[in-house]
Amino acid sequence: MFYAALALLQKISKVPSKHAGVISLFDTEFVLKGFFPQKLSKDFHKAFELRQVSDYRTFMPIAKEKAHETLSNAAHFVETVRAYLENNHD
């Protein structure tokens, strides 16, 4: 999801250095302007938070169901961004 969003931001010459910056600019430049639905933003935020928790805050494994849900959301996110980039290659 991060790299798909980064590809979008590179297209508009905005490349932040941190993950949080990528998420924020994705929201500002693409979700708030109506290019993508709010659900993509929510899924992106949830995946980032899950990554933060699993990498830095706990030693407990992520539940299998949560991992499957996040993977499905990520696949949808990447596919949506890919389609957008293919259809808006100006």
PDB file of N, CA and C in Angstrom:
ATOM      1  N   MET A   1       0.836  -1.190   0.000  1.00  0.00           N
ATOM      2  CA  MET A   1       0.000   0.000   0.000  1.00  0.00           C
ATOM      3  C   MET A   1       0.876   1.247   0.000  1.00  0.00           C
ATOM      4  N   PHE A   2       1.919   1.203   0.806  1.00  0.00           N
ATOM      5  CA  PHE A   2       2.830   2.339   0.916  1.00  0.00           C
ATOM      6  C   PHE A   2       3.442   2.679  -0.448  1.00  0.00           C
ATOM      7  N   TYR A   3       3.941   1.662  -1.146  1.00  0.00           N
ATOM      8  CA  TYR A   3       4.599   1.921  -2.423  1.00  0.00           C
ATOM      9  C   TYR A   3       3.616   2.310  -3.515  1.00  0.00           C
ATOM     10  N   ALA A   4       2.399   1.817  -3.451  1.00  0.00           N
ATOM     11  CA  ALA A   4       1.378   2.247  -4.401  1.00  0.00           C
ATOM     12  C   ALA A   4       1.054   3.723  -4.180  1.00  0.00           C
ATOM     13  N   ALA A   5       0.879   4.107  -2.928  1.00  0.00           N
ATOM     14  CA  ALA A   5       0.612   5.514  -2.614  1.00  0.00           C
ATOM     15  C   ALA A   5       1.808   6.382  -2.986  1.00  0.00           C
ATOM     16  N   LEU A   6       2.993   5.878  -2.754  1.00  0.00           N
ATOM     17  CA  LEU A   6       4.202   6.623  -3.116  1.00  0.00           C
ATOM     18  C   LEU A   6       4.271   6.849  -4.623  1.00  0.00           C
ATOM     19  N   ALA A   7       3.870   5.852  -5.418  1.00  0.00           N
ATOM     20  CA  ALA A   7       3.844   6.013  -6.876  1.00  0.00           C
ATOM     21  C   ALA A   7       2.889   7.130  -7.279  1.00  0.00           C
ATOM     22  N   LEU A   8       1.736   7.198  -6.624  1.00  0.00           N
ATOM     23  CA  LEU A   8       0.795   8.286  -6.894  1.00  0.00           C
ATOM     24  C   LEU A   8       1.413   9.641  -6.578  1.00  0.00           C
ATOM     25  N   LEU A   9       2.057   9.721  -5.439  1.00  0.00           N
ATOM     26  CA  LEU A   9       2.645  10.991  -5.011  1.00  0.00           C
ATOM     27  C   LEU A   9       3.803  11.402  -5.913  1.00  0.00           C
ATOM     28  N   GLN A  10       4.555  10.448  -6.392  1.00  0.00           N
ATOM     29  CA  GLN A  10       5.634  10.773  -7.330  1.00  0.00           C
ATOM     30  C   GLN A  10       5.069  11.364  -8.609  1.00  0.00           C
ATOM     31  N   LYS A  11       3.902  10.887  -8.998  1.00  0.00           N
ATOM     32  CA  LYS A  11       3.237  11.394 -10.198  1.00  0.00           C
ATOM     33  C   LYS A  11       2.935  12.891 -10.084  1.00  0.00           C
ATOM     34  N   ILE A  12       2.705  13.366  -8.867  1.00  0.00           N
ATOM     35  CA  ILE A  12       2.422  14.794  -8.672  1.00  0.00           C
ATOM     36  C   ILE A  12       3.613  15.515  -8.028  1.00  0.00           C
ATOM     37  N   SER A  13       4.774  14.884  -8.079  1.00  0.00           N
ATOM     38  CA  SER A  13       6.033  15.462  -7.579  1.00  0.00           C
ATOM     39  C   SER A  13       6.004  15.807  -6.094  1.00  0.00           C
ATOM     40  N   LYS A  14       5.375  14.951  -5.315  1.00  0.00           N
ATOM     41  CA  LYS A  14       5.367  15.109  -3.863  1.00  0.00           C
ATOM     42  C   LYS A  14       5.823  13.790  -3.256  1.00  0.00           C
ATOM     43  N   VAL A  15       7.011  13.808  -2.681  1.00  0.00           N
ATOM     44  CA  VAL A  15       7.575  12.576  -2.145  1.00  0.00           C
ATOM     45  C   VAL A  15       8.057  12.812  -0.714  1.00  0.00           C
ATOM     46  N   PRO A  16       7.210  12.527   0.262  1.00  0.00           N
ATOM     47  CA  PRO A  16       7.614  12.695   1.657  1.00  0.00           C
ATOM     48  C   PRO A  16       8.604  11.614   2.070  1.00  0.00           C
ATOM     49  N   SER A  17       9.317  11.864   3.142  1.00  0.00           N
ATOM     50  CA  SER A  17      10.353  10.932   3.577  1.00  0.00           C
ATOM     51  C   SER A  17       9.866   9.895   4.581  1.00  0.00           C
ATOM     52  N   LYS A  18       8.697  10.100   5.163  1.00  0.00           N
ATOM     53  CA  LYS A  18       8.209   9.186   6.196  1.00  0.00           C
ATOM     54  C   LYS A  18       6.877   8.569   5.793  1.00  0.00           C
ATOM     55  N   HIS A  19       6.596   7.395   6.358  1.00  0.00           N
ATOM     56  CA  HIS A  19       5.347   6.701   6.085  1.00  0.00           C
ATOM     57  C   HIS A  19       4.137   7.584   6.416  1.00  0.00           C
ATOM     58  N   ALA A  20       4.169   8.238   7.554  1.00  0.00           N
ATOM     59  CA  ALA A  20       3.048   9.081   7.961  1.00  0.00           C
ATOM     60  C   ALA A  20       2.812  10.210   6.957  1.00  0.00           C
ATOM     61  N   GLY A  21       3.873  10.724   6.378  1.00  0.00           N
ATOM     62  CA  GLY A  21       3.753  11.764   5.365  1.00  0.00           C
ATOM     63  C   GLY A  21       3.110  11.258   4.095  1.00  0.00           C
ATOM     64  N   VAL A  22       3.428  10.029   3.721  1.00  0.00           N
ATOM     65  CA  VAL A  22       2.814   9.423   2.544  1.00  0.00           C
ATOM     66  C   VAL A  22       1.304   9.277   2.766  1.00  0.00           C
ATOM     67  N   ILE A  23       0.936   8.782   3.920  1.00  0.00           N
ATOM     68  CA  ILE A  23      -0.483   8.594   4.235  1.00  0.00           C
ATOM     69  C   ILE A  23      -1.212   9.933   4.242  1.00  0.00           C
ATOM     70  N   SER A  24      -0.619  10.921   4.880  1.00  0.00           N
ATOM     71  CA  SER A  24      -1.236  12.245   4.965  1.00  0.00           C
ATOM     72  C   SER A  24      -1.422  12.870   3.587  1.00  0.00           C
ATOM     73  N   LEU A  25      -0.396  12.812   2.766  1.00  0.00           N
ATOM     74  CA  LEU A  25      -0.507  13.385   1.423  1.00  0.00           C
ATOM     75  C   LEU A  25      -1.460  12.585   0.539  1.00  0.00           C
ATOM     76  N   PHE A  26      -1.501  11.273   0.700  1.00  0.00           N
ATOM     77  CA  PHE A  26      -2.470  10.467  -0.037  1.00  0.00           C
ATOM     78  C   PHE A  26      -3.879  10.956   0.281  1.00  0.00           C
ATOM     79  N   ASP A  27      -4.143  11.159   1.560  1.00  0.00           N
ATOM     80  CA  ASP A  27      -5.455  11.658   1.975  1.00  0.00           C
ATOM     81  C   ASP A  27      -5.743  13.033   1.382  1.00  0.00           C
ATOM     82  N   THR A  28      -4.796  13.936   1.533  1.00  0.00           N
ATOM     83  CA  THR A  28      -4.980  15.314   1.092  1.00  0.00           C
ATOM     84  C   THR A  28      -5.112  15.441  -0.422  1.00  0.00           C
ATOM     85  N   GLU A  29      -4.235  14.771  -1.145  1.00  0.00           N
ATOM     86  CA  GLU A  29      -4.172  14.947  -2.597  1.00  0.00           C
ATOM     87  C   GLU A  29      -5.105  14.038  -3.397  1.00  0.00           C
ATOM     88  N   PHE A  30      -5.502  12.922  -2.813  1.00  0.00           N
ATOM     89  CA  PHE A  30      -6.289  11.978  -3.602  1.00  0.00           C
ATOM     90  C   PHE A  30      -7.643  11.622  -3.003  1.00  0.00           C
ATOM     91  N   VAL A  31      -7.734  11.514  -1.696  1.00  0.00           N
ATOM     92  CA  VAL A  31      -9.011  11.144  -1.085  1.00  0.00           C
ATOM     93  C   VAL A  31      -9.893  12.381  -0.909  1.00  0.00           C
ATOM     94  N   LEU A  32      -9.359  13.405  -0.285  1.00  0.00           N
ATOM     95  CA  LEU A  32     -10.163  14.618  -0.065  1.00  0.00           C
ATOM     96  C   LEU A  32     -10.578  15.298  -1.362  1.00  0.00           C
ATOM     97  N   LYS A  33      -9.800  15.101  -2.415  1.00  0.00           N
ATOM     98  CA  LYS A  33     -10.129  15.689  -3.723  1.00  0.00           C
ATOM     99  C   LYS A  33     -11.039  14.782  -4.545  1.00  0.00           C
ATOM    100  N   GLY A  34     -11.416  13.628  -3.976  1.00  0.00           N
ATOM    101  CA  GLY A  34     -12.403  12.769  -4.603  1.00  0.00           C
ATOM    102  C   GLY A  34     -11.894  11.767  -5.628  1.00  0.00           C
ATOM    103  N   PHE A  35     -10.590  11.601  -5.740  1.00  0.00           N
ATOM    104  CA  PHE A  35     -10.061  10.625  -6.697  1.00  0.00           C
ATOM    105  C   PHE A  35     -10.232   9.187  -6.203  1.00  0.00           C
ATOM    106  N   PHE A  36     -10.235   9.016  -4.889  1.00  0.00           N
ATOM    107  CA  PHE A  36     -10.394   7.695  -4.283  1.00  0.00           C
ATOM    108  C   PHE A  36     -11.390   7.794  -3.137  1.00  0.00           C
ATOM    109  N   PRO A  37     -12.103   6.696  -2.864  1.00  0.00           N
ATOM    110  CA  PRO A  37     -13.081   6.717  -1.763  1.00  0.00           C
ATOM    111  C   PRO A  37     -12.416   6.723  -0.393  1.00  0.00           C
ATOM    112  N   GLN A  38     -13.146   7.209   0.579  1.00  0.00           N
ATOM    113  CA  GLN A  38     -12.658   7.294   1.957  1.00  0.00           C
ATOM    114  C   GLN A  38     -12.255   5.925   2.498  1.00  0.00           C
ATOM    115  N   LYS A  39     -12.908   4.866   2.040  1.00  0.00           N
ATOM    116  CA  LYS A  39     -12.593   3.521   2.529  1.00  0.00           C
ATOM    117  C   LYS A  39     -11.136   3.161   2.255  1.00  0.00           C
ATOM    118  N   LEU A  40     -10.590   3.573   1.122  1.00  0.00           N
ATOM    119  CA  LEU A  40      -9.178   3.278   0.850  1.00  0.00           C
ATOM    120  C   LEU A  40      -8.288   3.938   1.888  1.00  0.00           C
ATOM    121  N   SER A  41      -8.619   5.154   2.253  1.00  0.00           N
ATOM    122  CA  SER A  41      -7.854   5.848   3.277  1.00  0.00           C
ATOM    123  C   SER A  41      -7.944   5.113   4.610  1.00  0.00           C
ATOM    124  N   LYS A  42      -9.149   4.708   4.981  1.00  0.00           N
ATOM    125  CA  LYS A  42      -9.331   3.996   6.250  1.00  0.00           C
ATOM    126  C   LYS A  42      -8.540   2.693   6.259  1.00  0.00           C
ATOM    127  N   ASP A  43      -8.576   1.960   5.157  1.00  0.00           N
ATOM    128  CA  ASP A  43      -7.818   0.710   5.069  1.00  0.00           C
ATOM    129  C   ASP A  43      -6.318   0.969   5.176  1.00  0.00           C
ATOM    130  N   PHE A  44      -5.859   2.030   4.544  1.00  0.00           N
ATOM    131  CA  PHE A  44      -4.437   2.412   4.588  1.00  0.00           C
ATOM    132  C   PHE A  44      -4.032   2.751   6.021  1.00  0.00           C
ATOM    133  N   HIS A  45      -4.846   3.550   6.677  1.00  0.00           N
ATOM    134  CA  HIS A  45      -4.563   3.922   8.068  1.00  0.00           C
ATOM    135  C   HIS A  45      -4.535   2.695   8.982  1.00  0.00           C
ATOM    136  N   LYS A  46      -5.513   1.793   8.804  1.00  0.00           N
ATOM    137  CA  LYS A  46      -5.574   0.584   9.632  1.00  0.00           C
ATOM    138  C   LYS A  46      -4.347  -0.294   9.414  1.00  0.00           C
ATOM    139  N   ALA A  47      -3.945  -0.453   8.163  1.00  0.00           N
ATOM    140  CA  ALA A  47      -2.773  -1.285   7.864  1.00  0.00           C
ATOM    141  C   ALA A  47      -1.513  -0.674   8.473  1.00  0.00           C
ATOM    142  N   PHE A  48      -1.395   0.643   8.387  1.00  0.00           N
ATOM    143  CA  PHE A  48      -0.231   1.312   8.970  1.00  0.00           C
ATOM    144  C   PHE A  48      -0.202   1.133  10.487  1.00  0.00           C
ATOM    145  N   GLU A  49      -1.358   1.303  11.116  1.00  0.00           N
ATOM    146  CA  GLU A  49      -1.430   1.136  12.570  1.00  0.00           C
ATOM    147  C   GLU A  49      -1.102  -0.301  12.967  1.00  0.00           C
ATOM    148  N   LEU A  50      -1.616  -1.251  12.221  1.00  0.00           N
ATOM    149  CA  LEU A  50      -1.321  -2.654  12.495  1.00  0.00           C
ATOM    150  C   LEU A  50       0.179  -2.930  12.359  1.00  0.00           C
ATOM    151  N   ARG A  51       0.779  -2.340  11.359  1.00  0.00           N
ATOM    152  CA  ARG A  51       2.222  -2.487  11.175  1.00  0.00           C
ATOM    153  C   ARG A  51       2.975  -1.880  12.355  1.00  0.00           C
ATOM    154  N   GLN A  52       2.559  -0.711  12.784  1.00  0.00           N
ATOM    155  CA  GLN A  52       3.206  -0.052  13.918  1.00  0.00           C
ATOM    156  C   GLN A  52       3.112  -0.918  15.171  1.00  0.00           C
ATOM    157  N   VAL A  53       1.931  -1.447  15.423  1.00  0.00           N
ATOM    158  CA  VAL A  53       1.716  -2.272  16.605  1.00  0.00           C
ATOM    159  C   VAL A  53       2.571  -3.533  16.529  1.00  0.00           C
ATOM    160  N   SER A  54       2.528  -4.204  15.398  1.00  0.00           N
ATOM    161  CA  SER A  54       3.249  -5.475  15.292  1.00  0.00           C
ATOM    162  C   SER A  54       4.763  -5.288  15.266  1.00  0.00           C
ATOM    163  N   ASP A  55       5.230  -4.180  14.714  1.00  0.00           N
ATOM    164  CA  ASP A  55       6.677  -3.952  14.631  1.00  0.00           C
ATOM    165  C   ASP A  55       7.276  -3.346  15.899  1.00  0.00           C
ATOM    166  N   TYR A  56       6.514  -2.489  16.568  1.00  0.00           N
ATOM    167  CA  TYR A  56       7.125  -1.686  17.624  1.00  0.00           C
ATOM    168  C   TYR A  56       6.486  -1.784  19.005  1.00  0.00           C
ATOM    169  N   ARG A  57       5.238  -2.230  19.112  1.00  0.00           N
ATOM    170  CA  ARG A  57       4.547  -2.100  20.388  1.00  0.00           C
ATOM    171  C   ARG A  57       4.220  -3.408  21.092  1.00  0.00           C
ATOM    172  N   THR A  58       4.303  -4.504  20.418  1.00  0.00           N
ATOM    173  CA  THR A  58       3.900  -5.746  21.063  1.00  0.00           C
ATOM    174  C   THR A  58       4.650  -6.929  20.482  1.00  0.00           C
ATOM    175  N   PHE A  59       4.699  -7.970  21.250  1.00  0.00           N
ATOM    176  CA  PHE A  59       5.313  -9.194  20.771  1.00  0.00           C
ATOM    177  C   PHE A  59       4.252 -10.253  20.490  1.00  0.00           C
ATOM    178  N   MET A  60       3.000  -9.864  20.572  1.00  0.00           N
ATOM    179  CA  MET A  60       1.899 -10.773  20.295  1.00  0.00           C
ATOM    180  C   MET A  60       1.688 -10.853  18.786  1.00  0.00           C
ATOM    181  N   PRO A  61       1.488 -12.048  18.267  1.00  0.00           N
ATOM    182  CA  PRO A  61       1.226 -12.173  16.829  1.00  0.00           C
ATOM    183  C   PRO A  61      -0.130 -11.589  16.457  1.00  0.00           C
ATOM    184  N   ILE A  62      -0.239 -11.156  15.234  1.00  0.00           N
ATOM    185  CA  ILE A  62      -1.500 -10.642  14.712  1.00  0.00           C
ATOM    186  C   ILE A  62      -2.411 -11.840  14.430  1.00  0.00           C
ATOM    187  N   ALA A  63      -3.669 -11.713  14.763  1.00  0.00           N
ATOM    188  CA  ALA A  63      -4.633 -12.792  14.522  1.00  0.00           C
ATOM    189  C   ALA A  63      -4.705 -13.109  13.029  1.00  0.00           C
ATOM    190  N   LYS A  64      -4.848 -14.378  12.731  1.00  0.00           N
ATOM    191  CA  LYS A  64      -4.900 -14.838  11.345  1.00  0.00           C
ATOM    192  C   LYS A  64      -6.001 -14.124  10.558  1.00  0.00           C
ATOM    193  N   GLU A  65      -7.163 -13.956  11.154  1.00  0.00           N
ATOM    194  CA  GLU A  65      -8.283 -13.288  10.480  1.00  0.00           C
ATOM    195  C   GLU A  65      -7.948 -11.836  10.152  1.00  0.00           C
ATOM    196  N   LYS A  66      -7.286 -11.161  11.105  1.00  0.00           N
ATOM    197  CA  LYS A  66      -6.903  -9.763  10.894  1.00  0.00           C
ATOM    198  C   LYS A  66      -5.862  -9.662   9.784  1.00  0.00           C
ATOM    199  N   ALA A  67      -4.952 -10.608   9.756  1.00  0.00           N
ATOM    200  CA  ALA A  67      -3.932 -10.626   8.706  1.00  0.00           C
ATOM    201  C   ALA A  67      -4.577 -10.836   7.333  1.00  0.00           C
ATOM    202  N   HIS A  68      -5.526 -11.761   7.241  1.00  0.00           N
ATOM    203  CA  HIS A  68      -6.221 -12.006   5.972  1.00  0.00           C
ATOM    204  C   HIS A  68      -7.019 -10.779   5.527  1.00  0.00           C
ATOM    205  N   GLU A  69      -7.701 -10.139   6.470  1.00  0.00           N
ATOM    206  CA  GLU A  69      -8.474  -8.933   6.145  1.00  0.00           C
ATOM    207  C   GLU A  69      -7.551  -7.830   5.639  1.00  0.00           C
ATOM    208  N   THR A  70      -6.434  -7.643   6.308  1.00  0.00           N
ATOM    209  CA  THR A  70      -5.489  -6.598   5.910  1.00  0.00           C
ATOM    210  C   THR A  70      -4.894  -6.902   4.542  1.00  0.00           C
ATOM    211  N   LEU A  71      -4.567  -8.156   4.289  1.00  0.00           N
ATOM    212  CA  LEU A  71      -4.032  -8.548   2.986  1.00  0.00           C
ATOM    213  C   LEU A  71      -5.055  -8.296   1.882  1.00  0.00           C
ATOM    214  N   SER A  72      -6.298  -8.645   2.131  1.00  0.00           N
ATOM    215  CA  SER A  72      -7.351  -8.404   1.151  1.00  0.00           C
ATOM    216  C   SER A  72      -7.529  -6.915   0.885  1.00  0.00           C
ATOM    217  N   ASN A  73      -7.543  -6.111   1.938  1.00  0.00           N
ATOM    218  CA  ASN A  73      -7.665  -4.658   1.784  1.00  0.00           C
ATOM    219  C   ASN A  73      -6.476  -4.086   1.025  1.00  0.00           C
ATOM    220  N   ALA A  74      -5.296  -4.599   1.314  1.00  0.00           N
ATOM    221  CA  ALA A  74      -4.088  -4.121   0.639  1.00  0.00           C
ATOM    222  C   ALA A  74      -4.129  -4.463  -0.846  1.00  0.00           C
ATOM    223  N   ALA A  75      -4.560  -5.671  -1.180  1.00  0.00           N
ATOM    224  CA  ALA A  75      -4.656  -6.064  -2.585  1.00  0.00           C
ATOM    225  C   ALA A  75      -5.644  -5.162  -3.324  1.00  0.00           C
ATOM    226  N   HIS A  76      -6.769  -4.862  -2.688  1.00  0.00           N
ATOM    227  CA  HIS A  76      -7.759  -3.963  -3.287  1.00  0.00           C
ATOM    228  C   HIS A  76      -7.174  -2.555  -3.460  1.00  0.00           C
ATOM    229  N   PHE A  77      -6.471  -2.077  -2.464  1.00  0.00           N
ATOM    230  CA  PHE A  77      -5.845  -0.754  -2.511  1.00  0.00           C
ATOM    231  C   PHE A  77      -4.880  -0.670  -3.696  1.00  0.00           C
ATOM    232  N   VAL A  78      -3.991  -1.650  -3.782  1.00  0.00           N
ATOM    233  CA  VAL A  78      -2.970  -1.647  -4.848  1.00  0.00           C
ATOM    234  C   VAL A  78      -3.634  -1.744  -6.223  1.00  0.00           C
ATOM    235  N   GLU A  79      -4.630  -2.591  -6.355  1.00  0.00           N
ATOM    236  CA  GLU A  79      -5.328  -2.733  -7.637  1.00  0.00           C
ATOM    237  C   GLU A  79      -6.038  -1.437  -8.022  1.00  0.00           C
ATOM    238  N   THR A  80      -6.649  -0.774  -7.070  1.00  0.00           N
ATOM    239  CA  THR A  80      -7.341   0.490  -7.340  1.00  0.00           C
ATOM    240  C   THR A  80      -6.355   1.564  -7.784  1.00  0.00           C
ATOM    241  N   VAL A  81      -5.229   1.647  -7.101  1.00  0.00           N
ATOM    242  CA  VAL A  81      -4.207   2.629  -7.472  1.00  0.00           C
ATOM    243  C   VAL A  81      -3.618   2.295  -8.849  1.00  0.00           C
ATOM    244  N   ARG A  82      -3.357   1.002  -9.097  1.00  0.00           N
ATOM    245  CA  ARG A  82      -2.809   0.593 -10.395  1.00  0.00           C
ATOM    246  C   ARG A  82      -3.752   1.005 -11.522  1.00  0.00           C
ATOM    247  N   ALA A  83      -5.041   0.737 -11.353  1.00  0.00           N
ATOM    248  CA  ALA A  83      -6.017   1.101 -12.373  1.00  0.00           C
ATOM    249  C   ALA A  83      -6.046   2.614 -12.582  1.00  0.00           C
ATOM    250  N   TYR A  84      -5.977   3.363 -11.495  1.00  0.00           N
ATOM    251  CA  TYR A  84      -5.960   4.829 -11.596  1.00  0.00           C
ATOM    252  C   TYR A  84      -4.737   5.290 -12.399  1.00  0.00           C
ATOM    253  N   LEU A  85      -3.579   4.745 -12.065  1.00  0.00           N
ATOM    254  CA  LEU A  85      -2.351   5.144 -12.765  1.00  0.00           C
ATOM    255  C   LEU A  85      -2.408   4.773 -14.245  1.00  0.00           C
ATOM    256  N   GLU A  86      -2.966   3.629 -14.570  1.00  0.00           N
ATOM    257  CA  GLU A  86      -3.085   3.230 -15.978  1.00  0.00           C
ATOM    258  C   GLU A  86      -4.028   4.126 -16.749  1.00  0.00           C
ATOM    259  N   ASN A  87      -5.080   4.598 -16.089  1.00  0.00           N
ATOM    260  CA  ASN A  87      -6.066   5.430 -16.759  1.00  0.00           C
ATOM    261  C   ASN A  87      -5.755   6.922 -16.717  1.00  0.00           C
ATOM    262  N   ASN A  88      -4.762   7.305 -15.944  1.00  0.00           N
ATOM    263  CA  ASN A  88      -4.398   8.726 -15.802  1.00  0.00           C
ATOM    264  C   ASN A  88      -2.896   8.894 -15.999  1.00  0.00           C
ATOM    265  N   HIS A  89      -2.419   8.487 -17.121  1.00  0.00           N
ATOM    266  CA  HIS A  89      -0.971   8.513 -17.367  1.00  0.00           C
ATOM    267  C   HIS A  89      -0.534   9.728 -18.162  1.00  0.00           C
ATOM    268  N   ASP A  90      -1.111  10.871 -17.858  1.00  0.00           N
ATOM    269  CA  ASP A  90      -0.714  12.104 -18.556  1.00  0.00           C
ATOM    270  C   ASP A  90       0.561  12.681 -18.039  1.00  0.00           C
TER     271      ASP A  90
END
